[in-house]
Amino acid sequence: MDIQIFVGVDCDEQQMIVGFVGSQGILRSLSRTSSPLRDSPDRFGQRLAGMVRGLRGELNLRMRNFRAIGIGVPRTCSPETRQDIERQIKPLLEIPIYLDDREVLSEQGKAWMMLVEDMAMPRERPKDRDLTVVYGAAKLALDHTAK
């Protein structure tokens, strides 16, 4: 049976966090970088694809293990910016992409994290709010591919 990985991305004006989450909710890998939204939104796709490839190599995974990408962006991102992000990523990673508001995904991520018993990181740390969006984004991707 193939490992199924869902990429959860939390991107605000300060940083971008990319997590690989398995279908059972286990966090497999996590990486942070500065946000491309502030200085170079036209390089969002390249930055994300580079992070995914780097983490994929570290875990010795193949692209066929990846089912979809969920991305949490600020509510202030215009529809045009969201479409541009999708347009940039599609040719680089060739897997389905789903975007939603970070705040919505944070709530969904909290709920999923509570259900996961074998989390790689403690649930109650205040700075783990970033992970709630990563989990929510991965859950968004998982839910869309399960349909």
N, C-alpha and C. Protein backbone atom coordinates (compact mmCIF):
# COMPACT_ATOMS: atom_id res chain seq x y z
N MET A 1 0.84 -1.18 0.00
CA MET A 1 0.00 0.00 0.00
C MET A 1 0.89 1.24 0.00
N ASP A 2 0.59 2.17 -0.87
CA ASP A 2 1.36 3.40 -0.97
C ASP A 2 1.11 4.31 0.22
N ILE A 3 2.15 5.01 0.61
CA ILE A 3 2.02 6.07 1.61
C ILE A 3 1.30 7.22 0.93
N GLN A 4 0.29 7.76 1.58
CA GLN A 4 -0.43 8.91 1.04
C GLN A 4 -0.04 10.15 1.84
N ILE A 5 0.47 11.14 1.14
CA ILE A 5 0.91 12.37 1.78
C ILE A 5 0.07 13.54 1.26
N PHE A 6 -0.36 14.37 2.19
CA PHE A 6 -1.07 15.60 1.87
C PHE A 6 -0.21 16.76 2.35
N VAL A 7 0.02 17.71 1.47
CA VAL A 7 0.86 18.85 1.80
C VAL A 7 -0.03 19.94 2.36
N GLY A 8 0.28 20.38 3.57
CA GLY A 8 -0.43 21.49 4.20
C GLY A 8 0.49 22.70 4.24
N VAL A 9 -0.01 23.83 3.76
CA VAL A 9 0.81 25.04 3.69
C VAL A 9 0.09 26.17 4.43
N ASP A 10 0.82 26.82 5.31
CA ASP A 10 0.32 28.01 5.99
C ASP A 10 1.20 29.17 5.55
N CYS A 11 0.60 30.13 4.88
CA CYS A 11 1.39 31.27 4.39
C CYS A 11 0.70 32.57 4.78
N ASP A 12 1.41 33.37 5.58
CA ASP A 12 0.94 34.72 5.88
C ASP A 12 1.98 35.70 5.34
N GLU A 13 1.94 36.93 5.79
CA GLU A 13 2.87 37.94 5.28
C GLU A 13 4.30 37.74 5.79
N GLN A 14 4.47 36.98 6.88
CA GLN A 14 5.78 36.81 7.50
C GLN A 14 6.50 35.53 7.09
N GLN A 15 5.78 34.42 7.12
CA GLN A 15 6.43 33.14 6.87
C GLN A 15 5.53 32.15 6.14
N MET A 16 6.16 31.17 5.55
CA MET A 16 5.46 30.06 4.92
C MET A 16 5.92 28.78 5.63
N ILE A 17 4.95 27.99 6.07
CA ILE A 17 5.23 26.73 6.74
C ILE A 17 4.64 25.62 5.89
N VAL A 18 5.45 24.63 5.58
CA VAL A 18 5.03 23.50 4.76
C VAL A 18 5.14 22.24 5.59
N GLY A 19 4.05 21.49 5.66
CA GLY A 19 4.05 20.23 6.40
C GLY A 19 3.56 19.09 5.53
N PHE A 20 4.17 17.93 5.71
CA PHE A 20 3.70 16.71 5.05
C PHE A 20 2.91 15.94 6.10
N VAL A 21 1.64 15.71 5.82
CA VAL A 21 0.77 15.02 6.77
C VAL A 21 0.23 13.77 6.10
N GLY A 22 0.35 12.64 6.79
CA GLY A 22 -0.18 11.39 6.28
C GLY A 22 -1.70 11.36 6.38
N SER A 23 -2.32 10.42 5.71
CA SER A 23 -3.79 10.34 5.69
C SER A 23 -4.38 10.06 7.07
N GLN A 24 -3.58 9.55 8.00
CA GLN A 24 -4.04 9.31 9.36
C GLN A 24 -3.75 10.49 10.28
N GLY A 25 -3.21 11.57 9.73
CA GLY A 25 -2.97 12.77 10.51
C GLY A 25 -1.61 12.85 11.18
N ILE A 26 -0.71 11.98 10.81
CA ILE A 26 0.62 12.02 11.41
C ILE A 26 1.50 12.98 10.62
N LEU A 27 2.08 13.95 11.34
CA LEU A 27 2.98 14.91 10.72
C LEU A 27 4.29 14.22 10.41
N ARG A 28 4.66 14.18 9.14
CA ARG A 28 5.87 13.49 8.71
C ARG A 28 7.07 14.42 8.58
N SER A 29 6.81 15.67 8.23
CA SER A 29 7.91 16.61 8.04
C SER A 29 7.37 18.03 8.08
N LEU A 30 8.23 18.97 8.45
CA LEU A 30 7.83 20.36 8.57
C LEU A 30 9.01 21.25 8.22
N SER A 31 8.72 22.33 7.48
CA SER A 31 9.78 23.27 7.11
C SER A 31 9.20 24.68 7.07
N ARG A 32 10.02 25.64 7.43
CA ARG A 32 9.60 27.05 7.44
C ARG A 32 10.56 27.89 6.60
N THR A 33 10.01 28.93 6.00
CA THR A 33 10.83 29.90 5.26
C THR A 33 10.12 31.25 5.30
N SER A 34 10.78 32.27 4.84
CA SER A 34 10.12 33.57 4.78
C SER A 34 9.01 33.53 3.73
N SER A 35 8.02 34.36 3.93
CA SER A 35 6.86 34.35 3.04
C SER A 35 7.16 35.01 1.70
N PRO A 36 6.75 34.38 0.61
CA PRO A 36 6.89 35.04 -0.69
C PRO A 36 5.78 36.07 -0.93
N LEU A 37 4.74 36.08 -0.08
CA LEU A 37 3.62 36.99 -0.32
C LEU A 37 4.03 38.46 -0.19
N ARG A 38 4.94 38.75 0.71
CA ARG A 38 5.31 40.15 0.95
C ARG A 38 6.19 40.71 -0.16
N ASP A 39 7.26 40.00 -0.49
CA ASP A 39 8.27 40.56 -1.40
C ASP A 39 8.23 40.01 -2.82
N SER A 40 7.83 38.77 -2.97
CA SER A 40 7.90 38.16 -4.31
C SER A 40 6.77 37.16 -4.55
N PRO A 41 5.52 37.66 -4.61
CA PRO A 41 4.39 36.75 -4.83
C PRO A 41 4.48 36.00 -6.16
N ASP A 42 5.22 36.56 -7.12
CA ASP A 42 5.37 35.89 -8.41
C ASP A 42 6.31 34.68 -8.32
N ARG A 43 6.94 34.47 -7.17
CA ARG A 43 7.83 33.32 -6.97
C ARG A 43 7.24 32.32 -5.96
N PHE A 44 5.97 32.49 -5.62
CA PHE A 44 5.31 31.61 -4.65
C PHE A 44 5.43 30.15 -5.09
N GLY A 45 5.08 29.89 -6.33
CA GLY A 45 5.11 28.51 -6.85
C GLY A 45 6.49 27.90 -6.80
N GLN A 46 7.49 28.66 -7.22
CA GLN A 46 8.87 28.15 -7.20
C GLN A 46 9.34 27.87 -5.78
N ARG A 47 9.01 28.77 -4.85
CA ARG A 47 9.43 28.59 -3.46
C ARG A 47 8.78 27.35 -2.87
N LEU A 48 7.47 27.20 -3.08
CA LEU A 48 6.76 26.04 -2.54
C LEU A 48 7.25 24.74 -3.17
N ALA A 49 7.40 24.73 -4.48
CA ALA A 49 7.87 23.52 -5.17
C ALA A 49 9.25 23.12 -4.68
N GLY A 50 10.12 24.09 -4.46
CA GLY A 50 11.45 23.80 -3.94
C GLY A 50 11.41 23.18 -2.55
N MET A 51 10.52 23.70 -1.70
CA MET A 51 10.39 23.14 -0.35
C MET A 51 9.84 21.72 -0.40
N VAL A 52 8.83 21.50 -1.24
CA VAL A 52 8.25 20.16 -1.36
C VAL A 52 9.30 19.17 -1.87
N ARG A 53 10.04 19.55 -2.88
CA ARG A 53 11.08 18.65 -3.41
C ARG A 53 12.15 18.36 -2.37
N GLY A 54 12.56 19.37 -1.62
CA GLY A 54 13.57 19.18 -0.59
C GLY A 54 13.12 18.24 0.51
N LEU A 55 11.91 18.46 1.02
CA LEU A 55 11.38 17.59 2.06
C LEU A 55 11.14 16.18 1.53
N ARG A 56 10.66 16.11 0.30
CA ARG A 56 10.41 14.80 -0.33
C ARG A 56 11.71 14.00 -0.40
N GLY A 57 12.79 14.65 -0.79
CA GLY A 57 14.09 13.98 -0.86
C GLY A 57 14.57 13.51 0.49
N GLU A 58 14.37 14.34 1.53
CA GLU A 58 14.78 13.96 2.88
C GLU A 58 14.06 12.71 3.36
N LEU A 59 12.79 12.59 2.98
CA LEU A 59 11.97 11.45 3.42
C LEU A 59 12.02 10.28 2.44
N ASN A 60 12.72 10.46 1.33
CA ASN A 60 12.83 9.41 0.32
C ASN A 60 11.47 9.00 -0.24
N LEU A 61 10.63 9.99 -0.54
CA LEU A 61 9.30 9.74 -1.10
C LEU A 61 9.30 10.05 -2.59
N ARG A 62 8.34 9.47 -3.28
CA ARG A 62 8.15 9.74 -4.71
C ARG A 62 6.93 10.64 -4.88
N MET A 63 6.85 11.34 -6.01
CA MET A 63 5.71 12.23 -6.24
C MET A 63 4.40 11.46 -6.25
N ARG A 64 4.42 10.19 -6.59
CA ARG A 64 3.16 9.43 -6.60
C ARG A 64 2.58 9.27 -5.20
N ASN A 65 3.39 9.50 -4.15
CA ASN A 65 2.90 9.45 -2.78
C ASN A 65 2.06 10.68 -2.42
N PHE A 66 2.19 11.74 -3.20
CA PHE A 66 1.53 12.99 -2.88
C PHE A 66 0.17 13.06 -3.57
N ARG A 67 -0.87 13.31 -2.78
CA ARG A 67 -2.23 13.32 -3.31
C ARG A 67 -2.72 14.72 -3.66
N ALA A 68 -2.41 15.71 -2.82
CA ALA A 68 -2.91 17.07 -3.06
C ALA A 68 -2.21 18.04 -2.12
N ILE A 69 -2.37 19.32 -2.43
CA ILE A 69 -1.82 20.39 -1.61
C ILE A 69 -2.98 21.28 -1.15
N GLY A 70 -3.01 21.56 0.14
CA GLY A 70 -3.93 22.54 0.69
C GLY A 70 -3.12 23.74 1.15
N ILE A 71 -3.60 24.93 0.82
CA ILE A 71 -2.85 26.14 1.15
C ILE A 71 -3.75 27.12 1.89
N GLY A 72 -3.29 27.56 3.04
CA GLY A 72 -3.97 28.60 3.80
C GLY A 72 -3.31 29.94 3.53
N VAL A 73 -4.09 30.88 3.04
CA VAL A 73 -3.58 32.23 2.75
C VAL A 73 -4.41 33.24 3.54
N PRO A 74 -3.87 34.44 3.74
CA PRO A 74 -4.61 35.46 4.48
C PRO A 74 -5.92 35.82 3.78
N ARG A 75 -6.89 36.17 4.58
CA ARG A 75 -8.20 36.58 4.05
C ARG A 75 -8.04 37.75 3.08
N THR A 76 -7.00 38.54 3.27
CA THR A 76 -6.79 39.73 2.44
C THR A 76 -6.25 39.41 1.05
N CYS A 77 -5.89 38.17 0.79
CA CYS A 77 -5.42 37.79 -0.56
C CYS A 77 -6.57 37.90 -1.54
N SER A 78 -6.36 38.62 -2.59
CA SER A 78 -7.41 38.81 -3.60
C SER A 78 -7.65 37.52 -4.37
N PRO A 79 -8.82 37.39 -5.00
CA PRO A 79 -9.07 36.23 -5.85
C PRO A 79 -8.03 36.10 -6.97
N GLU A 80 -7.56 37.22 -7.48
CA GLU A 80 -6.54 37.18 -8.53
C GLU A 80 -5.24 36.59 -8.01
N THR A 81 -4.84 36.99 -6.80
CA THR A 81 -3.62 36.45 -6.20
C THR A 81 -3.76 34.96 -5.97
N ARG A 82 -4.92 34.53 -5.49
CA ARG A 82 -5.16 33.10 -5.26
C ARG A 82 -5.06 32.31 -6.57
N GLN A 83 -5.67 32.85 -7.62
CA GLN A 83 -5.59 32.19 -8.93
C GLN A 83 -4.16 32.15 -9.44
N ASP A 84 -3.42 33.21 -9.20
CA ASP A 84 -2.03 33.26 -9.64
C ASP A 84 -1.19 32.22 -8.90
N ILE A 85 -1.45 32.05 -7.61
CA ILE A 85 -0.73 31.04 -6.83
C ILE A 85 -0.99 29.65 -7.43
N GLU A 86 -2.25 29.35 -7.69
CA GLU A 86 -2.59 28.05 -8.30
C GLU A 86 -1.90 27.89 -9.66
N ARG A 87 -1.96 28.93 -10.46
CA ARG A 87 -1.37 28.89 -11.80
C ARG A 87 0.14 28.63 -11.73
N GLN A 88 0.80 29.20 -10.75
CA GLN A 88 2.25 29.01 -10.59
C GLN A 88 2.59 27.58 -10.17
N ILE A 89 1.80 27.01 -9.29
CA ILE A 89 2.12 25.71 -8.69
C ILE A 89 1.80 24.54 -9.61
N LYS A 90 0.68 24.61 -10.32
CA LYS A 90 0.22 23.47 -11.14
C LYS A 90 1.28 22.86 -12.03
N PRO A 91 1.98 23.63 -12.85
CA PRO A 91 2.96 22.99 -13.74
C PRO A 91 4.20 22.46 -13.01
N LEU A 92 4.45 22.95 -11.81
CA LEU A 92 5.65 22.54 -11.09
C LEU A 92 5.46 21.25 -10.30
N LEU A 93 4.26 21.04 -9.76
CA LEU A 93 4.04 19.86 -8.91
C LEU A 93 3.01 18.88 -9.47
N GLU A 94 2.14 19.34 -10.34
CA GLU A 94 1.19 18.47 -11.04
C GLU A 94 0.34 17.60 -10.12
N ILE A 95 -0.11 18.17 -9.00
CA ILE A 95 -1.10 17.52 -8.14
C ILE A 95 -2.17 18.55 -7.81
N PRO A 96 -3.37 18.11 -7.41
CA PRO A 96 -4.44 19.06 -7.13
C PRO A 96 -4.06 20.07 -6.03
N ILE A 97 -4.56 21.29 -6.19
CA ILE A 97 -4.26 22.39 -5.27
C ILE A 97 -5.58 22.98 -4.79
N TYR A 98 -5.68 23.21 -3.48
CA TYR A 98 -6.87 23.80 -2.89
C TYR A 98 -6.45 24.93 -1.96
N LEU A 99 -7.07 26.09 -2.10
CA LEU A 99 -6.76 27.25 -1.27
C LEU A 99 -7.97 27.64 -0.45
N ASP A 100 -7.70 28.13 0.76
CA ASP A 100 -8.77 28.66 1.60
C ASP A 100 -8.16 29.67 2.57
N ASP A 101 -9.03 30.34 3.29
CA ASP A 101 -8.63 31.32 4.28
C ASP A 101 -7.93 30.66 5.47
N ARG A 102 -6.84 31.25 5.93
CA ARG A 102 -6.06 30.70 7.04
C ARG A 102 -6.90 30.52 8.30
N GLU A 103 -7.77 31.47 8.59
CA GLU A 103 -8.56 31.40 9.83
C GLU A 103 -9.53 30.22 9.79
N VAL A 104 -10.15 30.01 8.65
CA VAL A 104 -11.06 28.86 8.49
C VAL A 104 -10.28 27.56 8.66
N LEU A 105 -9.13 27.48 8.02
CA LEU A 105 -8.31 26.27 8.09
C LEU A 105 -7.76 26.04 9.49
N SER A 106 -7.50 27.10 10.23
CA SER A 106 -7.01 26.96 11.60
C SER A 106 -8.03 26.22 12.45
N GLU A 107 -9.28 26.58 12.33
CA GLU A 107 -10.34 25.91 13.10
C GLU A 107 -10.46 24.44 12.70
N GLN A 108 -10.41 24.16 11.41
CA GLN A 108 -10.49 22.77 10.95
C GLN A 108 -9.27 21.98 11.39
N GLY A 109 -8.11 22.63 11.38
CA GLY A 109 -6.88 21.97 11.81
C GLY A 109 -6.91 21.63 13.29
N LYS A 110 -7.44 22.53 14.12
CA LYS A 110 -7.56 22.26 15.56
C LYS A 110 -8.39 21.01 15.79
N ALA A 111 -9.50 20.91 15.08
CA ALA A 111 -10.38 19.75 15.24
C ALA A 111 -9.67 18.46 14.84
N TRP A 112 -8.94 18.48 13.72
CA TRP A 112 -8.25 17.27 13.27
C TRP A 112 -7.12 16.91 14.23
N MET A 113 -6.40 17.92 14.70
CA MET A 113 -5.29 17.66 15.61
C MET A 113 -5.77 17.00 16.90
N MET A 114 -6.96 17.37 17.36
CA MET A 114 -7.51 16.78 18.58
C MET A 114 -7.82 15.29 18.38
N LEU A 115 -8.13 14.90 17.16
CA LEU A 115 -8.44 13.50 16.88
C LEU A 115 -7.20 12.63 16.72
N VAL A 116 -6.09 13.27 16.46
CA VAL A 116 -4.86 12.52 16.19
C VAL A 116 -4.15 12.22 17.51
N GLU A 117 -3.93 10.96 17.76
CA GLU A 117 -3.28 10.57 19.02
C GLU A 117 -1.77 10.54 18.91
N ASP A 118 -1.23 10.25 17.76
CA ASP A 118 0.21 10.06 17.60
C ASP A 118 0.90 11.26 16.98
N MET A 119 0.48 12.46 17.38
CA MET A 119 1.10 13.65 16.80
C MET A 119 2.58 13.72 17.12
N ALA A 120 3.32 14.26 16.21
CA ALA A 120 4.76 14.39 16.40
C ALA A 120 5.12 15.54 17.34
N MET A 121 4.17 16.44 17.58
CA MET A 121 4.45 17.60 18.43
C MET A 121 3.32 17.77 19.44
N PRO A 122 3.60 18.34 20.60
CA PRO A 122 2.56 18.55 21.62
C PRO A 122 1.43 19.42 21.09
N ARG A 123 0.23 19.15 21.56
CA ARG A 123 -0.97 19.86 21.08
C ARG A 123 -1.16 21.24 21.68
N GLU A 124 -0.74 21.46 22.89
CA GLU A 124 -1.17 22.63 23.62
C GLU A 124 -0.21 23.82 23.62
N ARG A 125 0.88 23.77 22.90
CA ARG A 125 1.81 24.89 22.90
C ARG A 125 1.24 26.07 22.12
N PRO A 126 1.27 27.28 22.68
CA PRO A 126 0.70 28.44 21.98
C PRO A 126 1.29 28.67 20.59
N LYS A 127 2.59 28.45 20.41
CA LYS A 127 3.17 28.71 19.10
C LYS A 127 2.76 27.67 18.06
N ASP A 128 2.10 26.62 18.48
CA ASP A 128 1.63 25.61 17.54
C ASP A 128 0.39 26.05 16.77
N ARG A 129 -0.06 27.28 16.98
CA ARG A 129 -1.17 27.80 16.19
C ARG A 129 -0.83 27.68 14.71
N ASP A 130 0.44 27.87 14.37
CA ASP A 130 0.88 27.71 12.99
C ASP A 130 0.56 26.32 12.47
N LEU A 131 0.71 25.33 13.31
CA LEU A 131 0.44 23.96 12.88
C LEU A 131 -1.04 23.71 12.66
N THR A 132 -1.92 24.44 13.33
CA THR A 132 -3.34 24.22 13.11
C THR A 132 -3.70 24.56 11.67
N VAL A 133 -3.08 25.58 11.10
CA VAL A 133 -3.35 25.93 9.70
C VAL A 133 -2.75 24.88 8.77
N VAL A 134 -1.54 24.42 9.08
CA VAL A 134 -0.92 23.36 8.28
C VAL A 134 -1.82 22.13 8.27
N TYR A 135 -2.30 21.72 9.45
CA TYR A 135 -3.20 20.57 9.54
C TYR A 135 -4.52 20.84 8.82
N GLY A 136 -5.07 22.04 8.99
CA GLY A 136 -6.31 22.38 8.31
C GLY A 136 -6.16 22.36 6.80
N ALA A 137 -5.03 22.85 6.31
CA ALA A 137 -4.77 22.85 4.86
C ALA A 137 -4.60 21.42 4.34
N ALA A 138 -3.89 20.58 5.10
CA ALA A 138 -3.74 19.18 4.69
C ALA A 138 -5.09 18.47 4.70
N LYS A 139 -5.93 18.79 5.69
CA LYS A 139 -7.27 18.19 5.77
C LYS A 139 -8.13 18.65 4.60
N LEU A 140 -8.00 19.91 4.21
CA LEU A 140 -8.71 20.42 3.04
C LEU A 140 -8.34 19.59 1.81
N ALA A 141 -7.06 19.34 1.63
CA ALA A 141 -6.59 18.53 0.49
C ALA A 141 -7.11 17.10 0.59
N LEU A 142 -7.05 16.52 1.77
CA LEU A 142 -7.52 15.15 1.97
C LEU A 142 -9.01 15.04 1.68
N ASP A 143 -9.80 15.97 2.21
CA ASP A 143 -11.25 15.93 2.01
C ASP A 143 -11.63 16.06 0.54
N HIS A 144 -10.92 16.90 -0.20
CA HIS A 144 -11.23 17.06 -1.63
C HIS A 144 -10.85 15.82 -2.45
N THR A 145 -9.80 15.14 -2.07
CA THR A 145 -9.40 13.97 -2.85
C THR A 145 -10.21 12.74 -2.48
N ALA A 146 -10.86 12.76 -1.32
CA ALA A 146 -11.66 11.62 -0.88
C ALA A 146 -13.03 11.61 -1.55
N LYS A 147 -13.40 12.71 -2.19
CA LYS A 147 -14.74 12.82 -2.82
C LYS A 147 -14.84 11.99 -4.07
